[in-house]
């Protein structure tokens, strides 16, 4: 799984995309799953109806400046899980 957002320093609102790799995509193609976002290990946002690639609009207004770790967790209802993380820098 990969996470991409298009720029190194994040400001305002950012479109975050999470995509399951081609080999793994076949495992979840016919199954419902959810996408969970964590910031610095804390639950941040959740989308029940997952798809790949999955886009999420992240509003950084209430987040602290500095470096953080964004984690995306995709979990199927058949107990399959994919996790990816990425270091991000927030500036206001």
PDB file of N, CA and C in Angstrom:
ATOM      1  N   UNK A   1       0.850  -1.164   0.000  1.00  0.00           N
ATOM      2  CA  UNK A   1       0.000   0.000   0.000  1.00  0.00           C
ATOM      3  C   UNK A   1       0.897   1.228   0.000  1.00  0.00           C
ATOM      4  N   UNK A   2       0.444   2.285  -0.654  1.00  0.00           N
ATOM      5  CA  UNK A   2       1.221   3.517  -0.677  1.00  0.00           C
ATOM      6  C   UNK A   2       0.337   4.699  -0.300  1.00  0.00           C
ATOM      7  N   UNK A   3       0.979   5.740   0.223  1.00  0.00           N
ATOM      8  CA  UNK A   3       0.307   6.986   0.590  1.00  0.00           C
ATOM      9  C   UNK A   3       1.006   8.095  -0.182  1.00  0.00           C
ATOM     10  N   UNK A   4       0.233   8.956  -0.805  1.00  0.00           N
ATOM     11  CA  UNK A   4       0.849  10.093  -1.468  1.00  0.00           C
ATOM     12  C   UNK A   4      -0.037  11.316  -1.312  1.00  0.00           C
ATOM     13  N   UNK A   5       0.609  12.479  -1.282  1.00  0.00           N
ATOM     14  CA  UNK A   5      -0.124  13.720  -1.087  1.00  0.00           C
ATOM     15  C   UNK A   5       0.469  14.863  -1.880  1.00  0.00           C
ATOM     16  N   UNK A   6       1.519  14.648  -2.641  1.00  0.00           N
ATOM     17  CA  UNK A   6       1.979  15.611  -3.623  1.00  0.00           C
ATOM     18  C   UNK A   6       2.928  16.712  -3.188  1.00  0.00           C
ATOM     19  N   UNK A   7       3.159  16.919  -1.906  1.00  0.00           N
ATOM     20  CA  UNK A   7       4.110  17.946  -1.497  1.00  0.00           C
ATOM     21  C   UNK A   7       4.727  17.588  -0.156  1.00  0.00           C
ATOM     22  N   UNK A   8       5.896  18.159   0.091  1.00  0.00           N
ATOM     23  CA  UNK A   8       6.645  17.804   1.294  1.00  0.00           C
ATOM     24  C   UNK A   8       6.124  18.492   2.552  1.00  0.00           C
ATOM     25  N   UNK A   9       5.833  19.800   2.452  1.00  0.00           N
ATOM     26  CA  UNK A   9       5.316  20.552   3.585  1.00  0.00           C
ATOM     27  C   UNK A   9       3.829  20.780   3.376  1.00  0.00           C
ATOM     28  N   UNK A  10       3.026  20.480   4.390  1.00  0.00           N
ATOM     29  CA  UNK A  10       1.578  20.530   4.251  1.00  0.00           C
ATOM     30  C   UNK A  10       1.010  21.800   4.861  1.00  0.00           C
ATOM     31  N   UNK A  11       0.122  22.445   4.123  1.00  0.00           N
ATOM     32  CA  UNK A  11      -0.520  23.687   4.550  1.00  0.00           C
ATOM     33  C   UNK A  11      -2.008  23.605   4.265  1.00  0.00           C
ATOM     34  N   UNK A  12      -2.841  24.181   5.122  1.00  0.00           N
ATOM     35  CA  UNK A  12      -4.282  24.306   4.855  1.00  0.00           C
ATOM     36  C   UNK A  12      -5.015  22.991   4.757  1.00  0.00           C
ATOM     37  N   UNK A  13      -5.438  22.650   3.546  1.00  0.00           N
ATOM     38  CA  UNK A  13      -6.104  21.374   3.271  1.00  0.00           C
ATOM     39  C   UNK A  13      -5.282  20.598   2.260  1.00  0.00           C
ATOM     40  N   UNK A  14      -5.184  19.298   2.461  1.00  0.00           N
ATOM     41  CA  UNK A  14      -4.377  18.445   1.596  1.00  0.00           C
ATOM     42  C   UNK A  14      -5.189  17.225   1.202  1.00  0.00           C
ATOM     43  N   UNK A  15      -5.145  16.883  -0.068  1.00  0.00           N
ATOM     44  CA  UNK A  15      -5.793  15.666  -0.530  1.00  0.00           C
ATOM     45  C   UNK A  15      -4.796  14.517  -0.376  1.00  0.00           C
ATOM     46  N   UNK A  16      -5.114  13.580   0.510  1.00  0.00           N
ATOM     47  CA  UNK A  16      -4.268  12.419   0.767  1.00  0.00           C
ATOM     48  C   UNK A  16      -4.869  11.230   0.017  1.00  0.00           C
ATOM     49  N   UNK A  17      -4.040  10.506  -0.716  1.00  0.00           N
ATOM     50  CA  UNK A  17      -4.512   9.330  -1.452  1.00  0.00           C
ATOM     51  C   UNK A  17      -3.795   8.091  -0.930  1.00  0.00           C
ATOM     52  N   UNK A  18      -4.551   7.046  -0.691  1.00  0.00           N
ATOM     53  CA  UNK A  18      -3.994   5.756  -0.265  1.00  0.00           C
ATOM     54  C   UNK A  18      -4.409   4.723  -1.300  1.00  0.00           C
ATOM     55  N   UNK A  19      -3.454   3.949  -1.762  1.00  0.00           N
ATOM     56  CA  UNK A  19      -3.742   2.969  -2.805  1.00  0.00           C
ATOM     57  C   UNK A  19      -3.147   1.613  -2.448  1.00  0.00           C
ATOM     58  N   UNK A  20      -3.943   0.589  -2.612  1.00  0.00           N
ATOM     59  CA  UNK A  20      -3.506  -0.782  -2.378  1.00  0.00           C
ATOM     60  C   UNK A  20      -2.711  -1.228  -3.603  1.00  0.00           C
ATOM     61  N   UNK A  21      -1.615  -1.944  -3.374  1.00  0.00           N
ATOM     62  CA  UNK A  21      -0.778  -2.423  -4.470  1.00  0.00           C
ATOM     63  C   UNK A  21      -1.508  -3.413  -5.367  1.00  0.00           C
ATOM     64  N   UNK A  22      -1.001  -3.617  -6.585  1.00  0.00           N
ATOM     65  CA  UNK A  22      -1.699  -4.479  -7.551  1.00  0.00           C
ATOM     66  C   UNK A  22      -1.897  -5.922  -7.086  1.00  0.00           C
ATOM     67  N   UNK A  23      -0.922  -6.487  -6.392  1.00  0.00           N
ATOM     68  CA  UNK A  23      -1.088  -7.868  -5.903  1.00  0.00           C
ATOM     69  C   UNK A  23      -2.143  -7.958  -4.820  1.00  0.00           C
ATOM     70  N   UNK A  24      -2.157  -6.979  -3.916  1.00  0.00           N
ATOM     71  CA  UNK A  24      -3.107  -6.982  -2.811  1.00  0.00           C
ATOM     72  C   UNK A  24      -4.511  -6.565  -3.249  1.00  0.00           C
ATOM     73  N   UNK A  25      -4.599  -5.782  -4.306  1.00  0.00           N
ATOM     74  CA  UNK A  25      -5.894  -5.282  -4.766  1.00  0.00           C
ATOM     75  C   UNK A  25      -6.843  -6.436  -5.098  1.00  0.00           C
ATOM     76  N   UNK A  26      -6.310  -7.528  -5.640  1.00  0.00           N
ATOM     77  CA  UNK A  26      -7.142  -8.697  -5.950  1.00  0.00           C
ATOM     78  C   UNK A  26      -7.739  -9.329  -4.698  1.00  0.00           C
ATOM     79  N   UNK A  27      -7.053  -9.221  -3.568  1.00  0.00           N
ATOM     80  CA  UNK A  27      -7.541  -9.810  -2.326  1.00  0.00           C
ATOM     81  C   UNK A  27      -8.758  -9.071  -1.769  1.00  0.00           C
ATOM     82  N   UNK A  28      -8.854  -7.776  -2.061  1.00  0.00           N
ATOM     83  CA  UNK A  28      -9.948  -6.992  -1.487  1.00  0.00           C
ATOM     84  C   UNK A  28     -10.979  -6.557  -2.525  1.00  0.00           C
ATOM     85  N   UNK A  29     -10.774  -6.940  -3.773  1.00  0.00           N
ATOM     86  CA  UNK A  29     -11.626  -6.450  -4.858  1.00  0.00           C
ATOM     87  C   UNK A  29     -13.113  -6.691  -4.618  1.00  0.00           C
ATOM     88  N   UNK A  30     -13.486  -7.813  -4.087  1.00  0.00           N
ATOM     89  CA  UNK A  30     -14.901  -8.153  -3.906  1.00  0.00           C
ATOM     90  C   UNK A  30     -15.361  -8.053  -2.461  1.00  0.00           C
ATOM     91  N   UNK A  31     -14.603  -7.347  -1.631  1.00  0.00           N
ATOM     92  CA  UNK A  31     -14.923  -7.273  -0.213  1.00  0.00           C
ATOM     93  C   UNK A  31     -15.052  -5.825   0.241  1.00  0.00           C
ATOM     94  N   UNK A  32     -15.923  -5.619   1.211  1.00  0.00           N
ATOM     95  CA  UNK A  32     -16.054  -4.300   1.814  1.00  0.00           C
ATOM     96  C   UNK A  32     -14.933  -4.113   2.837  1.00  0.00           C
ATOM     97  N   UNK A  33     -14.422  -2.895   2.950  1.00  0.00           N
ATOM     98  CA  UNK A  33     -13.386  -2.616   3.937  1.00  0.00           C
ATOM     99  C   UNK A  33     -13.472  -1.175   4.374  1.00  0.00           C
ATOM    100  N   UNK A  34     -12.769  -0.857   5.463  1.00  0.00           N
ATOM    101  CA  UNK A  34     -12.743   0.508   5.965  1.00  0.00           C
ATOM    102  C   UNK A  34     -11.320   1.048   5.926  1.00  0.00           C
ATOM    103  N   UNK A  35     -11.225   2.362   5.847  1.00  0.00           N
ATOM    104  CA  UNK A  35      -9.938   3.044   5.818  1.00  0.00           C
ATOM    105  C   UNK A  35      -9.862   3.919   7.066  1.00  0.00           C
ATOM    106  N   UNK A  36      -8.815   3.722   7.876  1.00  0.00           N
ATOM    107  CA  UNK A  36      -8.626   4.487   9.110  1.00  0.00           C
ATOM    108  C   UNK A  36      -7.332   5.284   9.003  1.00  0.00           C
ATOM    109  N   UNK A  37      -7.384   6.523   9.455  1.00  0.00           N
ATOM    110  CA  UNK A  37      -6.223   7.398   9.454  1.00  0.00           C
ATOM    111  C   UNK A  37      -5.822   7.668  10.898  1.00  0.00           C
ATOM    112  N   UNK A  38      -4.528   7.595  11.156  1.00  0.00           N
ATOM    113  CA  UNK A  38      -3.971   7.862  12.476  1.00  0.00           C
ATOM    114  C   UNK A  38      -2.901   8.932  12.334  1.00  0.00           C
ATOM    115  N   UNK A  39      -2.827   9.832  13.285  1.00  0.00           N
ATOM    116  CA  UNK A  39      -1.784  10.844  13.307  1.00  0.00           C
ATOM    117  C   UNK A  39      -1.020  10.682  14.606  1.00  0.00           C
ATOM    118  N   UNK A  40       0.273  10.411  14.490  1.00  0.00           N
ATOM    119  CA  UNK A  40       1.141  10.179  15.650  1.00  0.00           C
ATOM    120  C   UNK A  40       0.584   9.086  16.558  1.00  0.00           C
ATOM    121  N   UNK A  41       0.024   8.039  15.960  1.00  0.00           N
ATOM    122  CA  UNK A  41      -0.463   6.890  16.713  1.00  0.00           C
ATOM    123  C   UNK A  41      -1.862   7.035  17.277  1.00  0.00           C
ATOM    124  N   UNK A  42      -2.484   8.198  17.098  1.00  0.00           N
ATOM    125  CA  UNK A  42      -3.827   8.439  17.628  1.00  0.00           C
ATOM    126  C   UNK A  42      -4.849   8.385  16.492  1.00  0.00           C
ATOM    127  N   UNK A  43      -5.988   7.762  16.746  1.00  0.00           N
ATOM    128  CA  UNK A  43      -7.057   7.701  15.751  1.00  0.00           C
ATOM    129  C   UNK A  43      -7.456   9.108  15.335  1.00  0.00           C
ATOM    130  N   UNK A  44      -7.578   9.337  14.020  1.00  0.00           N
ATOM    131  CA  UNK A  44      -7.813  10.682  13.510  1.00  0.00           C
ATOM    132  C   UNK A  44      -9.084  10.774  12.670  1.00  0.00           C
ATOM    133  N   UNK A  45      -9.262   9.841  11.736  1.00  0.00           N
ATOM    134  CA  UNK A  45     -10.449   9.846  10.871  1.00  0.00           C
ATOM    135  C   UNK A  45     -10.694   8.425  10.371  1.00  0.00           C
ATOM    136  N   UNK A  46     -11.937   8.183   9.954  1.00  0.00           N
ATOM    137  CA  UNK A  46     -12.304   6.839   9.511  1.00  0.00           C
ATOM    138  C   UNK A  46     -13.353   6.926   8.405  1.00  0.00           C
ATOM    139  N   UNK A  47     -13.211   6.076   7.418  1.00  0.00           N
ATOM    140  CA  UNK A  47     -14.169   5.983   6.318  1.00  0.00           C
ATOM    141  C   UNK A  47     -14.641   4.530   6.243  1.00  0.00           C
ATOM    142  N   UNK A  48     -15.928   4.305   6.442  1.00  0.00           N
ATOM    143  CA  UNK A  48     -16.471   2.930   6.455  1.00  0.00           C
ATOM    144  C   UNK A  48     -16.462   2.274   5.077  1.00  0.00           C
ATOM    145  N   UNK A  49     -16.829   2.997   4.048  1.00  0.00           N
ATOM    146  CA  UNK A  49     -16.915   2.413   2.706  1.00  0.00           C
ATOM    147  C   UNK A  49     -15.643   2.634   1.934  1.00  0.00           C
ATOM    148  N   UNK A  50     -14.699   1.731   2.048  1.00  0.00           N
ATOM    149  CA  UNK A  50     -13.398   1.909   1.431  1.00  0.00           C
ATOM    150  C   UNK A  50     -13.357   1.511  -0.021  1.00  0.00           C
ATOM    151  N   UNK A  51     -12.402   2.079  -0.740  1.00  0.00           N
ATOM    152  CA  UNK A  51     -12.132   1.746  -2.121  1.00  0.00           C
ATOM    153  C   UNK A  51     -10.676   2.102  -2.384  1.00  0.00           C
ATOM    154  N   UNK A  52     -10.129   1.651  -3.486  1.00  0.00           N
ATOM    155  CA  UNK A  52      -8.734   1.938  -3.801  1.00  0.00           C
ATOM    156  C   UNK A  52      -8.625   2.388  -5.250  1.00  0.00           C
ATOM    157  N   UNK A  53      -7.984   3.522  -5.525  1.00  0.00           N
ATOM    158  CA  UNK A  53      -7.367   4.397  -4.537  1.00  0.00           C
ATOM    159  C   UNK A  53      -8.418   5.151  -3.736  1.00  0.00           C
ATOM    160  N   UNK A  54      -8.056   5.478  -2.513  1.00  0.00           N
ATOM    161  CA  UNK A  54      -8.961   6.182  -1.611  1.00  0.00           C
ATOM    162  C   UNK A  54      -8.423   7.592  -1.384  1.00  0.00           C
ATOM    163  N   UNK A  55      -9.269   8.595  -1.574  1.00  0.00           N
ATOM    164  CA  UNK A  55      -8.869   9.988  -1.363  1.00  0.00           C
ATOM    165  C   UNK A  55      -9.564  10.541  -0.132  1.00  0.00           C
ATOM    166  N   UNK A  56      -8.816  11.307   0.636  1.00  0.00           N
ATOM    167  CA  UNK A  56      -9.327  11.901   1.874  1.00  0.00           C
ATOM    168  C   UNK A  56      -8.819  13.335   1.961  1.00  0.00           C
ATOM    169  N   UNK A  57      -9.718  14.286   2.194  1.00  0.00           N
ATOM    170  CA  UNK A  57      -9.339  15.682   2.326  1.00  0.00           C
ATOM    171  C   UNK A  57      -8.998  15.954   3.787  1.00  0.00           C
ATOM    172  N   UNK A  58      -7.736  16.234   4.050  1.00  0.00           N
ATOM    173  CA  UNK A  58      -7.231  16.451   5.398  1.00  0.00           C
ATOM    174  C   UNK A  58      -7.152  17.948   5.655  1.00  0.00           C
ATOM    175  N   UNK A  59      -7.934  18.425   6.617  1.00  0.00           N
ATOM    176  CA  UNK A  59      -7.912  19.825   7.024  1.00  0.00           C
ATOM    177  C   UNK A  59      -6.939  19.949   8.189  1.00  0.00           C
ATOM    178  N   UNK A  60      -5.871  20.678   7.979  1.00  0.00           N
ATOM    179  CA  UNK A  60      -4.784  20.782   8.956  1.00  0.00           C
ATOM    180  C   UNK A  60      -4.977  21.913   9.973  1.00  0.00           C
ATOM    181  N   UNK A  61      -6.112  22.569   9.945  1.00  0.00           N
ATOM    182  CA  UNK A  61      -6.365  23.754  10.767  1.00  0.00           C
ATOM    183  C   UNK A  61      -6.102  23.519  12.256  1.00  0.00           C
ATOM    184  N   UNK A  62      -6.494  22.365  12.791  1.00  0.00           N
ATOM    185  CA  UNK A  62      -6.357  22.110  14.226  1.00  0.00           C
ATOM    186  C   UNK A  62      -5.111  21.315  14.597  1.00  0.00           C
ATOM    187  N   UNK A  63      -4.258  21.015  13.623  1.00  0.00           N
ATOM    188  CA  UNK A  63      -3.058  20.227  13.897  1.00  0.00           C
ATOM    189  C   UNK A  63      -1.873  21.132  14.207  1.00  0.00           C
ATOM    190  N   UNK A  64      -0.986  20.644  15.049  1.00  0.00           N
ATOM    191  CA  UNK A  64       0.186  21.414  15.463  1.00  0.00           C
ATOM    192  C   UNK A  64       1.224  21.444  14.352  1.00  0.00           C
ATOM    193  N   UNK A  65       1.971  22.549  14.301  1.00  0.00           N
ATOM    194  CA  UNK A  65       3.107  22.650  13.382  1.00  0.00           C
ATOM    195  C   UNK A  65       4.143  21.594  13.734  1.00  0.00           C
ATOM    196  N   UNK A  66       4.941  21.228  12.753  1.00  0.00           N
ATOM    197  CA  UNK A  66       6.049  20.314  12.989  1.00  0.00           C
ATOM    198  C   UNK A  66       5.876  18.986  12.287  1.00  0.00           C
ATOM    199  N   UNK A  67       6.763  18.064  12.627  1.00  0.00           N
ATOM    200  CA  UNK A  67       6.749  16.738  12.013  1.00  0.00           C
ATOM    201  C   UNK A  67       5.776  15.815  12.724  1.00  0.00           C
ATOM    202  N   UNK A  68       5.087  15.014  11.930  1.00  0.00           N
ATOM    203  CA  UNK A  68       4.128  14.036  12.423  1.00  0.00           C
ATOM    204  C   UNK A  68       4.263  12.771  11.588  1.00  0.00           C
ATOM    205  N   UNK A  69       3.639  11.705  12.046  1.00  0.00           N
ATOM    206  CA  UNK A  69       3.566  10.468  11.271  1.00  0.00           C
ATOM    207  C   UNK A  69       2.099  10.193  10.966  1.00  0.00           C
ATOM    208  N   UNK A  70       1.784  10.109   9.673  1.00  0.00           N
ATOM    209  CA  UNK A  70       0.447   9.761   9.218  1.00  0.00           C
ATOM    210  C   UNK A  70       0.435   8.266   8.901  1.00  0.00           C
ATOM    211  N   UNK A  71      -0.514   7.552   9.488  1.00  0.00           N
ATOM    212  CA  UNK A  71      -0.648   6.111   9.255  1.00  0.00           C
ATOM    213  C   UNK A  71      -2.019   5.858   8.642  1.00  0.00           C
ATOM    214  N   UNK A  72      -2.044   5.048   7.586  1.00  0.00           N
ATOM    215  CA  UNK A  72      -3.300   4.650   6.963  1.00  0.00           C
ATOM    216  C   UNK A  72      -3.435   3.150   7.122  1.00  0.00           C
ATOM    217  N   UNK A  73      -4.593   2.734   7.606  1.00  0.00           N
ATOM    218  CA  UNK A  73      -4.871   1.328   7.863  1.00  0.00           C
ATOM    219  C   UNK A  73      -6.113   0.944   7.069  1.00  0.00           C
ATOM    220  N   UNK A  74      -5.974  -0.029   6.176  1.00  0.00           N
ATOM    221  CA  UNK A  74      -7.116  -0.545   5.423  1.00  0.00           C
ATOM    222  C   UNK A  74      -7.430  -1.930   5.984  1.00  0.00           C
ATOM    223  N   UNK A  75      -8.651  -2.110   6.449  1.00  0.00           N
ATOM    224  CA  UNK A  75      -9.052  -3.382   7.061  1.00  0.00           C
ATOM    225  C   UNK A  75     -10.299  -3.917   6.374  1.00  0.00           C
ATOM    226  N   UNK A  76     -10.214  -5.161   5.903  1.00  0.00           N
ATOM    227  CA  UNK A  76     -11.393  -5.785   5.311  1.00  0.00           C
ATOM    228  C   UNK A  76     -12.202  -6.433   6.422  1.00  0.00           C
ATOM    229  N   UNK A  77     -13.426  -6.738   6.108  1.00  0.00           N
ATOM    230  CA  UNK A  77     -14.271  -7.413   7.082  1.00  0.00           C
ATOM    231  C   UNK A  77     -14.019  -8.921   7.054  1.00  0.00           C
ATOM    232  N   UNK A  78     -12.996  -9.342   6.317  1.00  0.00           N
ATOM    233  CA  UNK A  78     -12.562 -10.742   6.298  1.00  0.00           C
ATOM    234  C   UNK A  78     -11.186 -10.865   6.950  1.00  0.00           C
ATOM    235  N   UNK A  79     -10.866  -9.912   7.852  1.00  0.00           N
ATOM    236  CA  UNK A  79      -9.655  -9.926   8.673  1.00  0.00           C
ATOM    237  C   UNK A  79      -8.354  -9.754   7.887  1.00  0.00           C
ATOM    238  N   UNK A  80      -8.396  -9.034   6.776  1.00  0.00           N
ATOM    239  CA  UNK A  80      -7.191  -8.697   6.034  1.00  0.00           C
ATOM    240  C   UNK A  80      -6.891  -7.227   6.300  1.00  0.00           C
ATOM    241  N   UNK A  81      -5.603  -6.923   6.546  1.00  0.00           N
ATOM    242  CA  UNK A  81      -5.233  -5.559   6.903  1.00  0.00           C
ATOM    243  C   UNK A  81      -3.994  -5.135   6.134  1.00  0.00           C
ATOM    244  N   UNK A  82      -3.985  -3.877   5.699  1.00  0.00           N
ATOM    245  CA  UNK A  82      -2.816  -3.272   5.084  1.00  0.00           C
ATOM    246  C   UNK A  82      -2.525  -1.968   5.792  1.00  0.00           C
ATOM    247  N   UNK A  83      -1.252  -1.701   6.040  1.00  0.00           N
ATOM    248  CA  UNK A  83      -0.862  -0.500   6.772  1.00  0.00           C
ATOM    249  C   UNK A  83       0.290   0.185   6.035  1.00  0.00           C
ATOM    250  N   UNK A  84       0.215   1.511   5.967  1.00  0.00           N
ATOM    251  CA  UNK A  84       1.310   2.298   5.410  1.00  0.00           C
ATOM    252  C   UNK A  84       1.462   3.542   6.280  1.00  0.00           C
ATOM    253  N   UNK A  85       2.694   4.054   6.363  1.00  0.00           N
ATOM    254  CA  UNK A  85       2.921   5.270   7.138  1.00  0.00           C
ATOM    255  C   UNK A  85       3.835   6.198   6.363  1.00  0.00           C
ATOM    256  N   UNK A  86       3.727   7.468   6.708  1.00  0.00           N
ATOM    257  CA  UNK A  86       4.540   8.466   6.035  1.00  0.00           C
ATOM    258  C   UNK A  86       4.789   9.637   6.982  1.00  0.00           C
ATOM    259  N   UNK A  87       6.019  10.098   7.044  1.00  0.00           N
ATOM    260  CA  UNK A  87       6.342  11.263   7.847  1.00  0.00           C
ATOM    261  C   UNK A  87       5.877  12.504   7.085  1.00  0.00           C
ATOM    262  N   UNK A  88       5.242  13.435   7.802  1.00  0.00           N
ATOM    263  CA  UNK A  88       4.749  14.668   7.193  1.00  0.00           C
ATOM    264  C   UNK A  88       5.213  15.853   8.016  1.00  0.00           C
ATOM    265  N   UNK A  89       5.289  17.023   7.384  1.00  0.00           N
ATOM    266  CA  UNK A  89       5.628  18.257   8.087  1.00  0.00           C
ATOM    267  C   UNK A  89       4.481  19.235   7.878  1.00  0.00           C
ATOM    268  N   UNK A  90       3.897  19.701   8.981  1.00  0.00           N
ATOM    269  CA  UNK A  90       2.775  20.637   8.940  1.00  0.00           C
ATOM    270  C   UNK A  90       3.290  22.033   9.261  1.00  0.00           C
ATOM    271  N   UNK A  91       2.887  23.004   8.436  1.00  0.00           N
ATOM    272  CA  UNK A  91       3.205  24.411   8.694  1.00  0.00           C
ATOM    273  C   UNK A  91       1.932  25.220   8.539  1.00  0.00           C
ATOM    274  N   UNK A  92       1.792  26.245   9.338  1.00  0.00           N
ATOM    275  CA  UNK A  92       0.623  27.123   9.245  1.00  0.00           C
ATOM    276  C   UNK A  92       1.016  28.511   8.851  1.00  0.00           C
TER     277      UNK A  92
END
